[in-house]
Amino acid sequence: MIKNISFKICIPLVGILGGISAVNAQCTAVSSFSENFDAYSSPNSIVPTCWDRVVLNGASQIISSTQPASGTSQIYQNGYGPGKISIVVMPLITNINAGTHHLRVKMKSNGAGYLEFGYIKDALPDTFVLLQAINITNTSYDSTSERTFTVPTAVPDGMRLAIRNPGTSFAGHYWDDAVWEPIPNLGTHENDISEGIKVYPNPFNDLVNISDIKDVKIITINDAVGRVVQTIEKPATTLKLNDLQKGVYFVTLHFKNGTAKSFKTIKN
């Protein structure tokens, strides 16, 4: 069972101002956290200590006890329609862009669910940057419910991880057992899976070559501030990136064993 051990030094949130949590400047940044939400319950709780939330135009976000993945509680997000947005903002972490940790969380929905994983400055809704879309089809916490999200090293310091319901799905979304943890060490072969792989030329014009893709599952292209601008689900050894504007990009190879490796590139 996951324990709430990361926030002992934090002071509870002041409250809700116009649907946006008051940012608590006295919460200290952590290098990891493990939250199963069991120390909180509805209707009194909405987010854990040192987390924040944004709820706009009648959207809903609470702590729910409806069949959580473990223990007694979980996050619930709901709302459909223009501007009905809810964002759960995770605590400030010291190593958001170190490339050493990932977010692991279990998710389900009661319909065709859609959430967004990204980052945000404090709890300001207009600053949310999408890193990965999350389509949820499982209606219970089963073998497919656990998701792992990597964070590009291009994400600026001081940002906070967040999960947003943009109001585009009728579904109620549930998630539980959120863990910011070191990327696990794998066996020697798995650890070396990305060794020797090259992404070239750099700088490039329209085409980027990858020396070996046999173990690559997905490739994502992030811009200089970490936004995903392109996702390639069936990658080839040559990527056509002629639609990109000139600038700095990060080509991230997501391997079949769950690891990822990013390459900084420049388009002329």
Protein backbone atom coordinates (compact mmCIF):
# COMPACT_ATOMS: atom_id res chain seq x y z
CA MET A 1 0.00 0.00 0.00
CA ILE A 2 1.32 3.41 -0.92
CA LYS A 3 1.83 5.74 2.02
CA ASN A 4 1.58 9.49 2.26
CA ILE A 5 5.11 10.26 3.39
CA SER A 6 6.29 13.10 1.20
CA PHE A 7 4.44 16.07 2.61
CA LYS A 8 5.05 16.07 6.34
CA ILE A 9 6.80 19.43 6.22
CA CYS A 10 4.07 21.15 4.23
CA ILE A 11 1.34 23.38 5.60
CA PRO A 12 -2.25 22.78 4.38
CA LEU A 13 -3.70 24.86 1.58
CA VAL A 14 -5.46 28.05 2.56
CA GLY A 15 -8.55 27.32 0.48
CA ILE A 16 -10.25 28.04 -2.82
CA LEU A 17 -10.39 31.45 -4.46
CA GLY A 18 -12.77 31.68 -7.41
CA GLY A 19 -12.30 28.02 -8.30
CA ILE A 20 -8.51 28.17 -8.14
CA SER A 21 -6.56 26.86 -5.16
CA ALA A 22 -4.55 29.43 -3.28
CA VAL A 23 -0.89 28.66 -3.96
CA ASN A 24 0.88 27.83 -0.70
CA ALA A 25 4.33 29.40 -0.78
CA GLN A 26 5.27 27.59 2.43
CA CYS A 27 5.20 24.13 0.85
CA THR A 28 8.75 22.90 0.28
CA ALA A 29 9.71 21.30 -3.04
CA VAL A 30 10.30 17.54 -2.90
CA SER A 31 12.38 15.20 -5.03
CA SER A 32 9.80 12.38 -5.02
CA PHE A 33 6.29 11.73 -3.80
CA SER A 34 3.89 8.83 -3.34
CA GLU A 35 0.23 9.71 -2.95
CA ASN A 36 -2.75 7.34 -2.69
CA PHE A 37 -5.13 10.05 -1.37
CA ASP A 38 -6.23 7.87 1.56
CA ALA A 39 -5.54 10.62 4.12
CA TYR A 40 -8.29 12.65 2.46
CA SER A 41 -11.98 12.02 1.90
CA SER A 42 -15.03 13.68 0.35
CA PRO A 43 -16.81 16.00 0.79
CA ASN A 44 -14.26 17.92 2.83
CA SER A 45 -11.14 17.31 0.72
CA ILE A 46 -10.45 18.35 -2.85
CA VAL A 47 -6.68 17.89 -3.24
CA PRO A 48 -3.90 16.67 -0.92
CA THR A 49 -1.76 19.04 1.09
CA CYS A 50 0.70 20.97 -1.11
CA TRP A 51 -1.23 20.07 -4.25
CA ASP A 52 -3.52 22.58 -5.98
CA ARG A 53 -6.54 22.52 -8.26
CA VAL A 54 -8.16 24.67 -10.91
CA VAL A 55 -11.93 24.31 -11.51
CA LEU A 56 -13.59 26.53 -14.11
CA ASN A 57 -17.15 27.07 -15.35
CA GLY A 58 -18.89 24.33 -13.38
CA ALA A 59 -16.39 21.52 -13.80
CA SER A 60 -15.94 19.08 -10.91
CA GLN A 61 -12.84 17.81 -9.16
CA ILE A 62 -12.93 16.12 -5.76
CA ILE A 63 -11.53 13.31 -3.66
CA SER A 64 -13.77 10.29 -4.37
CA SER A 65 -14.29 6.96 -2.59
CA THR A 66 -15.87 5.16 -5.56
CA GLN A 67 -13.88 1.91 -5.89
CA PRO A 68 -10.33 3.33 -5.75
CA ALA A 69 -7.33 1.38 -7.00
CA SER A 70 -6.12 0.96 -3.42
CA GLY A 71 -7.25 2.04 0.00
CA THR A 72 -10.21 4.37 0.36
CA SER A 73 -9.77 7.42 -1.88
CA GLN A 74 -8.80 8.69 -5.33
CA ILE A 75 -9.01 11.78 -7.56
CA TYR A 76 -12.21 12.37 -9.58
CA GLN A 77 -12.50 14.84 -12.50
CA ASN A 78 -15.64 15.53 -14.50
CA GLY A 79 -17.13 18.20 -16.73
CA TYR A 80 -18.21 18.47 -20.35
CA GLY A 81 -18.61 21.64 -22.37
CA PRO A 82 -16.76 24.80 -23.43
CA GLY A 83 -14.50 26.05 -20.68
CA LYS A 84 -15.46 23.33 -18.19
CA ILE A 85 -11.87 22.66 -17.23
CA SER A 86 -10.38 21.07 -14.13
CA ILE A 87 -6.68 20.79 -13.45
CA VAL A 88 -5.07 18.84 -10.63
CA VAL A 89 -1.67 20.39 -9.88
CA MET A 90 0.94 18.21 -8.22
CA PRO A 91 3.42 19.45 -5.62
CA LEU A 92 6.50 21.41 -6.59
CA ILE A 93 9.40 19.04 -7.31
CA THR A 94 13.10 19.78 -7.50
CA ASN A 95 13.93 17.44 -10.38
CA ILE A 96 11.10 17.90 -12.88
CA ASN A 97 13.51 18.21 -15.82
CA ALA A 98 16.38 16.00 -14.62
CA GLY A 99 15.41 13.04 -16.84
CA THR A 100 15.86 10.69 -13.88
CA HIS A 101 12.22 10.31 -12.75
CA HIS A 102 8.82 9.54 -14.23
CA LEU A 103 5.20 9.78 -13.09
CA ARG A 104 3.34 6.51 -12.54
CA VAL A 105 -0.41 6.57 -11.97
CA LYS A 106 -3.48 4.30 -12.31
CA MET A 107 -6.47 5.61 -14.28
CA LYS A 108 -10.01 4.59 -15.21
CA SER A 109 -13.16 6.28 -16.52
CA ASN A 110 -16.86 5.48 -16.72
CA GLY A 111 -16.93 6.10 -20.47
CA ALA A 112 -14.65 7.16 -23.30
CA GLY A 113 -12.28 9.21 -21.18
CA TYR A 114 -9.80 11.87 -22.20
CA LEU A 115 -7.33 13.68 -19.93
CA GLU A 116 -4.12 15.59 -20.57
CA PHE A 117 -0.75 15.28 -18.85
CA GLY A 118 1.41 18.37 -18.78
CA TYR A 119 2.93 21.06 -16.64
CA ILE A 120 1.79 24.40 -15.25
CA LYS A 121 3.23 27.43 -13.51
CA ASP A 122 1.82 27.56 -9.98
CA ALA A 123 -1.93 27.04 -10.50
CA LEU A 124 -2.48 29.51 -13.34
CA PRO A 125 -4.78 27.80 -15.92
CA ASP A 126 -3.51 29.76 -18.94
CA THR A 127 0.05 28.50 -18.37
CA PHE A 128 -0.79 24.78 -18.78
CA VAL A 129 1.38 23.10 -21.42
CA LEU A 130 0.28 19.76 -22.86
CA LEU A 131 2.90 17.02 -22.89
CA GLN A 132 0.78 13.95 -23.61
CA ALA A 133 -2.86 13.18 -24.40
CA ILE A 134 -4.42 10.42 -22.28
CA ASN A 135 -7.18 8.29 -23.80
CA ILE A 136 -8.86 6.07 -21.21
CA THR A 137 -11.09 3.14 -22.22
CA ASN A 138 -10.89 0.88 -19.17
CA THR A 139 -13.80 1.27 -16.74
CA SER A 140 -12.07 -0.43 -13.80
CA TYR A 141 -8.58 -0.56 -12.37
CA ASP A 142 -7.34 -3.54 -14.35
CA SER A 143 -4.07 -4.63 -15.94
CA THR A 144 -4.28 -1.75 -18.44
CA SER A 145 -4.95 1.03 -15.93
CA GLU A 146 -1.37 1.90 -14.96
CA ARG A 147 0.22 4.68 -17.00
CA THR A 148 3.80 5.97 -16.97
CA PHE A 149 4.69 9.47 -18.15
CA THR A 150 8.18 10.73 -18.89
CA VAL A 151 9.00 14.43 -18.72
CA PRO A 152 11.27 16.13 -21.29
CA THR A 153 14.40 17.79 -19.99
CA ALA A 154 13.26 20.94 -21.83
CA VAL A 155 10.57 21.66 -19.22
CA PRO A 156 11.58 24.90 -17.43
CA ASP A 157 12.61 24.91 -13.78
CA GLY A 158 9.87 25.78 -11.32
CA MET A 159 7.02 24.17 -13.29
CA ARG A 160 4.62 21.69 -11.67
CA LEU A 161 3.20 18.50 -13.14
CA ALA A 162 -0.54 18.58 -13.76
CA ILE A 163 -3.40 16.49 -15.12
CA ARG A 164 -6.14 18.42 -16.92
CA ASN A 165 -9.65 17.50 -17.93
CA PRO A 166 -10.29 19.92 -20.84
CA GLY A 167 -14.04 19.27 -20.87
CA THR A 168 -14.16 17.33 -24.13
CA SER A 169 -15.45 14.02 -22.72
CA PHE A 170 -18.73 13.18 -20.99
CA ALA A 171 -16.88 10.61 -18.87
CA GLY A 172 -16.06 10.80 -15.22
CA HIS A 173 -12.31 10.30 -14.77
CA TYR A 174 -10.69 8.61 -11.79
CA TRP A 175 -7.02 8.22 -10.95
CA ASP A 176 -5.11 6.86 -7.99
CA ASP A 177 -1.69 5.84 -6.65
CA ALA A 178 0.30 8.71 -8.17
CA VAL A 179 4.04 8.25 -7.75
CA TRP A 180 6.94 10.47 -8.87
CA GLU A 181 9.80 8.02 -8.72
CA PRO A 182 13.25 7.26 -10.13
CA ILE A 183 13.14 5.45 -13.44
CA PRO A 184 13.88 1.85 -12.40
CA ASN A 185 17.21 0.26 -13.18
CA LEU A 186 16.75 -2.58 -15.63
CA GLY A 187 18.87 -5.56 -16.57
CA THR A 188 22.14 -4.96 -18.42
CA HIS A 189 20.67 -5.61 -21.83
CA GLU A 190 17.68 -3.35 -21.16
CA ASN A 191 19.83 -0.60 -19.73
CA ASP A 192 21.98 -0.65 -22.85
CA ILE A 193 19.04 -0.67 -25.25
CA SER A 194 19.58 2.98 -26.17
CA GLU A 195 23.37 2.84 -26.21
CA GLY A 196 24.87 3.65 -29.57
CA ILE A 197 21.66 5.01 -31.09
CA LYS A 198 22.26 8.21 -33.04
CA VAL A 199 19.90 10.93 -34.23
CA TYR A 200 21.39 12.90 -37.14
CA PRO A 201 22.14 15.24 -38.84
CA ASN A 202 22.22 18.02 -36.29
CA PRO A 203 21.35 20.70 -37.29
CA PHE A 204 18.84 19.31 -39.84
CA ASN A 205 16.68 20.76 -42.58
CA ASP A 206 13.62 18.56 -43.20
CA LEU A 207 14.79 15.01 -42.48
CA VAL A 208 16.12 13.40 -39.29
CA ASN A 209 17.68 9.94 -39.35
CA ILE A 210 17.68 7.42 -36.49
CA SER A 211 20.35 4.75 -36.62
CA ASP A 212 18.30 1.95 -34.99
CA ILE A 213 14.55 1.81 -34.28
CA LYS A 214 13.95 -1.91 -33.73
CA ASP A 215 13.26 -1.37 -30.02
CA VAL A 216 11.53 2.02 -30.40
CA LYS A 217 7.76 2.06 -29.80
CA ILE A 218 6.89 5.76 -30.16
CA ILE A 219 8.76 8.96 -30.97
CA THR A 220 7.67 12.34 -29.66
CA ILE A 221 8.95 15.72 -30.84
CA ASN A 222 8.94 18.50 -28.23
CA ASP A 223 9.61 22.17 -28.82
CA ALA A 224 12.00 24.28 -26.76
CA VAL A 225 9.52 24.72 -23.89
CA GLY A 226 8.55 21.04 -23.75
CA ARG A 227 5.28 21.01 -25.69
CA VAL A 228 4.63 17.92 -27.81
CA VAL A 229 4.39 19.12 -31.41
CA GLN A 230 4.41 15.72 -33.10
CA THR A 231 3.89 12.08 -32.09
CA ILE A 232 5.05 9.26 -34.37
CA GLU A 233 3.54 5.91 -33.36
CA LYS A 234 5.09 3.75 -36.09
CA PRO A 235 8.51 5.31 -36.55
CA ALA A 236 10.83 4.70 -39.47
CA THR A 237 14.56 5.29 -39.63
CA THR A 238 13.92 8.61 -41.42
CA LEU A 239 11.55 11.21 -39.96
CA LYS A 240 10.02 13.88 -42.19
CA LEU A 241 9.89 17.06 -40.10
CA ASN A 242 9.41 19.62 -42.85
CA ASP A 243 6.31 21.05 -41.09
CA LEU A 244 8.35 22.26 -38.13
CA GLN A 245 9.45 25.86 -37.86
CA LYS A 246 13.12 26.73 -37.40
CA GLY A 247 14.29 26.30 -33.82
CA VAL A 248 15.31 23.91 -31.07
CA TYR A 249 13.52 20.57 -30.65
CA PHE A 250 13.86 17.45 -28.52
CA VAL A 251 13.43 14.09 -30.26
CA THR A 252 12.45 11.54 -27.60
CA LEU A 253 12.60 7.82 -28.33
CA HIS A 254 10.20 5.80 -26.18
CA PHE A 255 11.42 2.20 -26.05
CA LYS A 256 9.34 -0.96 -25.75
CA ASN A 257 10.82 -1.68 -22.32
CA GLY A 258 9.36 1.56 -20.91
CA THR A 259 12.52 3.68 -20.97
CA ALA A 260 13.06 6.84 -23.01
CA LYS A 261 15.97 8.86 -24.36
CA SER A 262 15.91 12.46 -25.62
CA PHE A 263 18.13 14.11 -28.23
CA LYS A 264 18.40 17.89 -28.59
CA THR A 265 18.22 18.93 -32.24
CA ILE A 266 18.12 22.18 -34.21
CA LYS A 267 16.14 22.78 -37.38
CA ASN A 268 17.70 25.22 -39.84
